[in-house]
Amino acid sequence: MVRAAHDAGRAIVLDLVYNHLIGSPLQVLARDVYVSGETQWGDMVYFAHPAAREFFRQATVIFGIYSVSTAFGSTPPRPSLTEERSSAAPNM
């Protein structure tokens, strides 16, 4: 759908909402890390927790990389698991 819109000369705008959660696995898997209360729209994100801040920081970075690369007609970069493992392995 995004490709078709771009091919037609149209832009896509996606509004990311990071201040509340509804139906997120994060609410179940690590409620003490990701949830700090409730809003009228769902659970409030616990941004005071470093793990929650880092999760949403990384999500924003990945979204930005994907958005910019697709906006210019290229495929977003996707590191392979073997590249990640080999770069993390210690040199002996």
C-alpha atoms as a PDB file:
ATOM      1  CA  MET A   1       0.000   0.000   0.000  1.00  0.00           C
ATOM      2  CA  VAL A   2       2.831   2.397   0.892  1.00  0.00           C
ATOM      3  CA  ARG A   3       4.656   1.547  -2.340  1.00  0.00           C
ATOM      4  CA  ALA A   4       1.474   2.192  -4.354  1.00  0.00           C
ATOM      5  CA  ALA A   5       0.997   5.565  -2.666  1.00  0.00           C
ATOM      6  CA  HIS A   6       4.615   6.538  -3.336  1.00  0.00           C
ATOM      7  CA  ASP A   7       4.330   5.384  -6.957  1.00  0.00           C
ATOM      8  CA  ALA A   8       1.298   7.673  -7.268  1.00  0.00           C
ATOM      9  CA  GLY A   9       3.316  10.590  -5.886  1.00  0.00           C
ATOM     10  CA  ARG A  10       1.629  10.578  -2.486  1.00  0.00           C
ATOM     11  CA  ALA A  11       3.204  10.675   0.943  1.00  0.00           C
ATOM     12  CA  ILE A  12       2.317   8.512   3.918  1.00  0.00           C
ATOM     13  CA  VAL A  13       2.195   9.942   7.434  1.00  0.00           C
ATOM     14  CA  LEU A  14       2.177   7.600  10.407  1.00  0.00           C
ATOM     15  CA  ASP A  15       1.452   8.970  13.852  1.00  0.00           C
ATOM     16  CA  LEU A  16       3.258   6.955  16.531  1.00  0.00           C
ATOM     17  CA  VAL A  17       1.658   7.098  19.977  1.00  0.00           C
ATOM     18  CA  TYR A  18       4.037   6.039  22.733  1.00  0.00           C
ATOM     19  CA  ASN A  19       2.232   7.393  25.780  1.00  0.00           C
ATOM     20  CA  HIS A  20      -0.172   4.483  26.291  1.00  0.00           C
ATOM     21  CA  LEU A  21      -0.553   0.776  25.565  1.00  0.00           C
ATOM     22  CA  ILE A  22      -3.624  -1.183  24.500  1.00  0.00           C
ATOM     23  CA  GLY A  23      -3.359  -4.921  23.919  1.00  0.00           C
ATOM     24  CA  SER A  24       0.442  -4.915  23.916  1.00  0.00           C
ATOM     25  CA  PRO A  25       2.392  -8.040  24.914  1.00  0.00           C
ATOM     26  CA  LEU A  26       4.600  -5.696  26.971  1.00  0.00           C
ATOM     27  CA  GLN A  27       1.716  -5.238  29.406  1.00  0.00           C
ATOM     28  CA  VAL A  28       1.724  -8.974  30.159  1.00  0.00           C
ATOM     29  CA  LEU A  29       5.391  -9.911  29.778  1.00  0.00           C
ATOM     30  CA  ALA A  30       6.922  -7.177  31.918  1.00  0.00           C
ATOM     31  CA  ARG A  31       4.179  -5.032  33.417  1.00  0.00           C
ATOM     32  CA  ASP A  32       6.508  -3.717  36.156  1.00  0.00           C
ATOM     33  CA  VAL A  33       8.908  -2.424  33.474  1.00  0.00           C
ATOM     34  CA  TYR A  34       6.475  -0.981  30.921  1.00  0.00           C
ATOM     35  CA  VAL A  35       3.349   0.125  32.819  1.00  0.00           C
ATOM     36  CA  SER A  36       3.118   2.918  35.403  1.00  0.00           C
ATOM     37  CA  GLY A  37      -0.579   3.673  35.615  1.00  0.00           C
ATOM     38  CA  GLU A  38      -3.639   4.147  33.470  1.00  0.00           C
ATOM     39  CA  THR A  39      -4.976   6.749  31.073  1.00  0.00           C
ATOM     40  CA  GLN A  40      -8.407   6.938  29.516  1.00  0.00           C
ATOM     41  CA  TRP A  41      -6.842   5.345  26.405  1.00  0.00           C
ATOM     42  CA  GLY A  42      -5.078   2.423  28.142  1.00  0.00           C
ATOM     43  CA  ASP A  43      -2.086   1.683  30.340  1.00  0.00           C
ATOM     44  CA  MET A  44       0.456   4.498  30.686  1.00  0.00           C
ATOM     45  CA  VAL A  45       4.025   3.712  29.582  1.00  0.00           C
ATOM     46  CA  TYR A  46       6.581   3.719  32.418  1.00  0.00           C
ATOM     47  CA  PHE A  47       9.231   5.903  30.769  1.00  0.00           C
ATOM     48  CA  ALA A  48      11.097   6.304  34.078  1.00  0.00           C
ATOM     49  CA  HIS A  49      12.319   2.706  33.679  1.00  0.00           C
ATOM     50  CA  PRO A  50      15.534   2.517  31.606  1.00  0.00           C
ATOM     51  CA  ALA A  51      14.429  -0.648  29.756  1.00  0.00           C
ATOM     52  CA  ALA A  52      11.171   0.989  28.646  1.00  0.00           C
ATOM     53  CA  ARG A  53      12.976   4.126  27.474  1.00  0.00           C
ATOM     54  CA  GLU A  54      15.492   2.036  25.531  1.00  0.00           C
ATOM     55  CA  PHE A  55      12.783  -0.123  23.933  1.00  0.00           C
ATOM     56  CA  PHE A  56      10.880   2.898  22.627  1.00  0.00           C
ATOM     57  CA  ARG A  57      14.104   4.692  21.630  1.00  0.00           C
ATOM     58  CA  GLN A  58      15.102   1.710  19.496  1.00  0.00           C
ATOM     59  CA  ALA A  59      11.587   1.414  18.054  1.00  0.00           C
ATOM     60  CA  THR A  60      11.753   5.057  16.987  1.00  0.00           C
ATOM     61  CA  VAL A  61      15.187   4.620  15.400  1.00  0.00           C
ATOM     62  CA  ILE A  62      14.100   1.511  13.481  1.00  0.00           C
ATOM     63  CA  PHE A  63      10.919   3.254  12.340  1.00  0.00           C
ATOM     64  CA  GLY A  64      13.003   6.216  11.158  1.00  0.00           C
ATOM     65  CA  ILE A  65      15.394   3.992   9.185  1.00  0.00           C
ATOM     66  CA  TYR A  66      12.488   2.143   7.601  1.00  0.00           C
ATOM     67  CA  SER A  67      10.591   5.332   6.781  1.00  0.00           C
ATOM     68  CA  VAL A  68      13.531   7.127   5.202  1.00  0.00           C
ATOM     69  CA  SER A  69      14.682   4.151   3.160  1.00  0.00           C
ATOM     70  CA  THR A  70      11.202   3.340   1.819  1.00  0.00           C
ATOM     71  CA  ALA A  71      10.517   7.011   1.105  1.00  0.00           C
ATOM     72  CA  PHE A  72      13.467   6.995  -1.281  1.00  0.00           C
ATOM     73  CA  GLY A  73      12.436   3.737  -2.908  1.00  0.00           C
ATOM     74  CA  SER A  74      14.993   1.417  -1.362  1.00  0.00           C
ATOM     75  CA  THR A  75      14.614  -1.624   0.834  1.00  0.00           C
ATOM     76  CA  PRO A  76      15.298  -0.969   4.523  1.00  0.00           C
ATOM     77  CA  PRO A  77      18.507  -2.518   5.859  1.00  0.00           C
ATOM     78  CA  ARG A  78      18.023  -5.756   7.761  1.00  0.00           C
ATOM     79  CA  PRO A  79      21.031  -7.247   9.528  1.00  0.00           C
ATOM     80  CA  SER A  80      21.220 -11.015   9.413  1.00  0.00           C
ATOM     81  CA  LEU A  81      21.467 -13.009  12.609  1.00  0.00           C
ATOM     82  CA  THR A  82      24.800 -14.480  11.523  1.00  0.00           C
ATOM     83  CA  GLU A  83      26.257 -10.988  11.014  1.00  0.00           C
ATOM     84  CA  GLU A  84      25.070  -9.925  14.463  1.00  0.00           C
ATOM     85  CA  ARG A  85      26.453 -13.069  16.111  1.00  0.00           C
ATOM     86  CA  SER A  86      29.805 -12.915  14.331  1.00  0.00           C
ATOM     87  CA  SER A  87      30.316  -9.251  15.192  1.00  0.00           C
ATOM     88  CA  ALA A  88      29.475  -9.950  18.844  1.00  0.00           C
ATOM     89  CA  ALA A  89      31.815 -12.958  19.095  1.00  0.00           C
ATOM     90  CA  PRO A  90      35.129 -12.283  20.821  1.00  0.00           C
ATOM     91  CA  ASN A  91      38.311 -12.531  18.759  1.00  0.00           C
ATOM     92  CA  MET A  92      40.558 -15.354  19.838  1.00  0.00           C
END
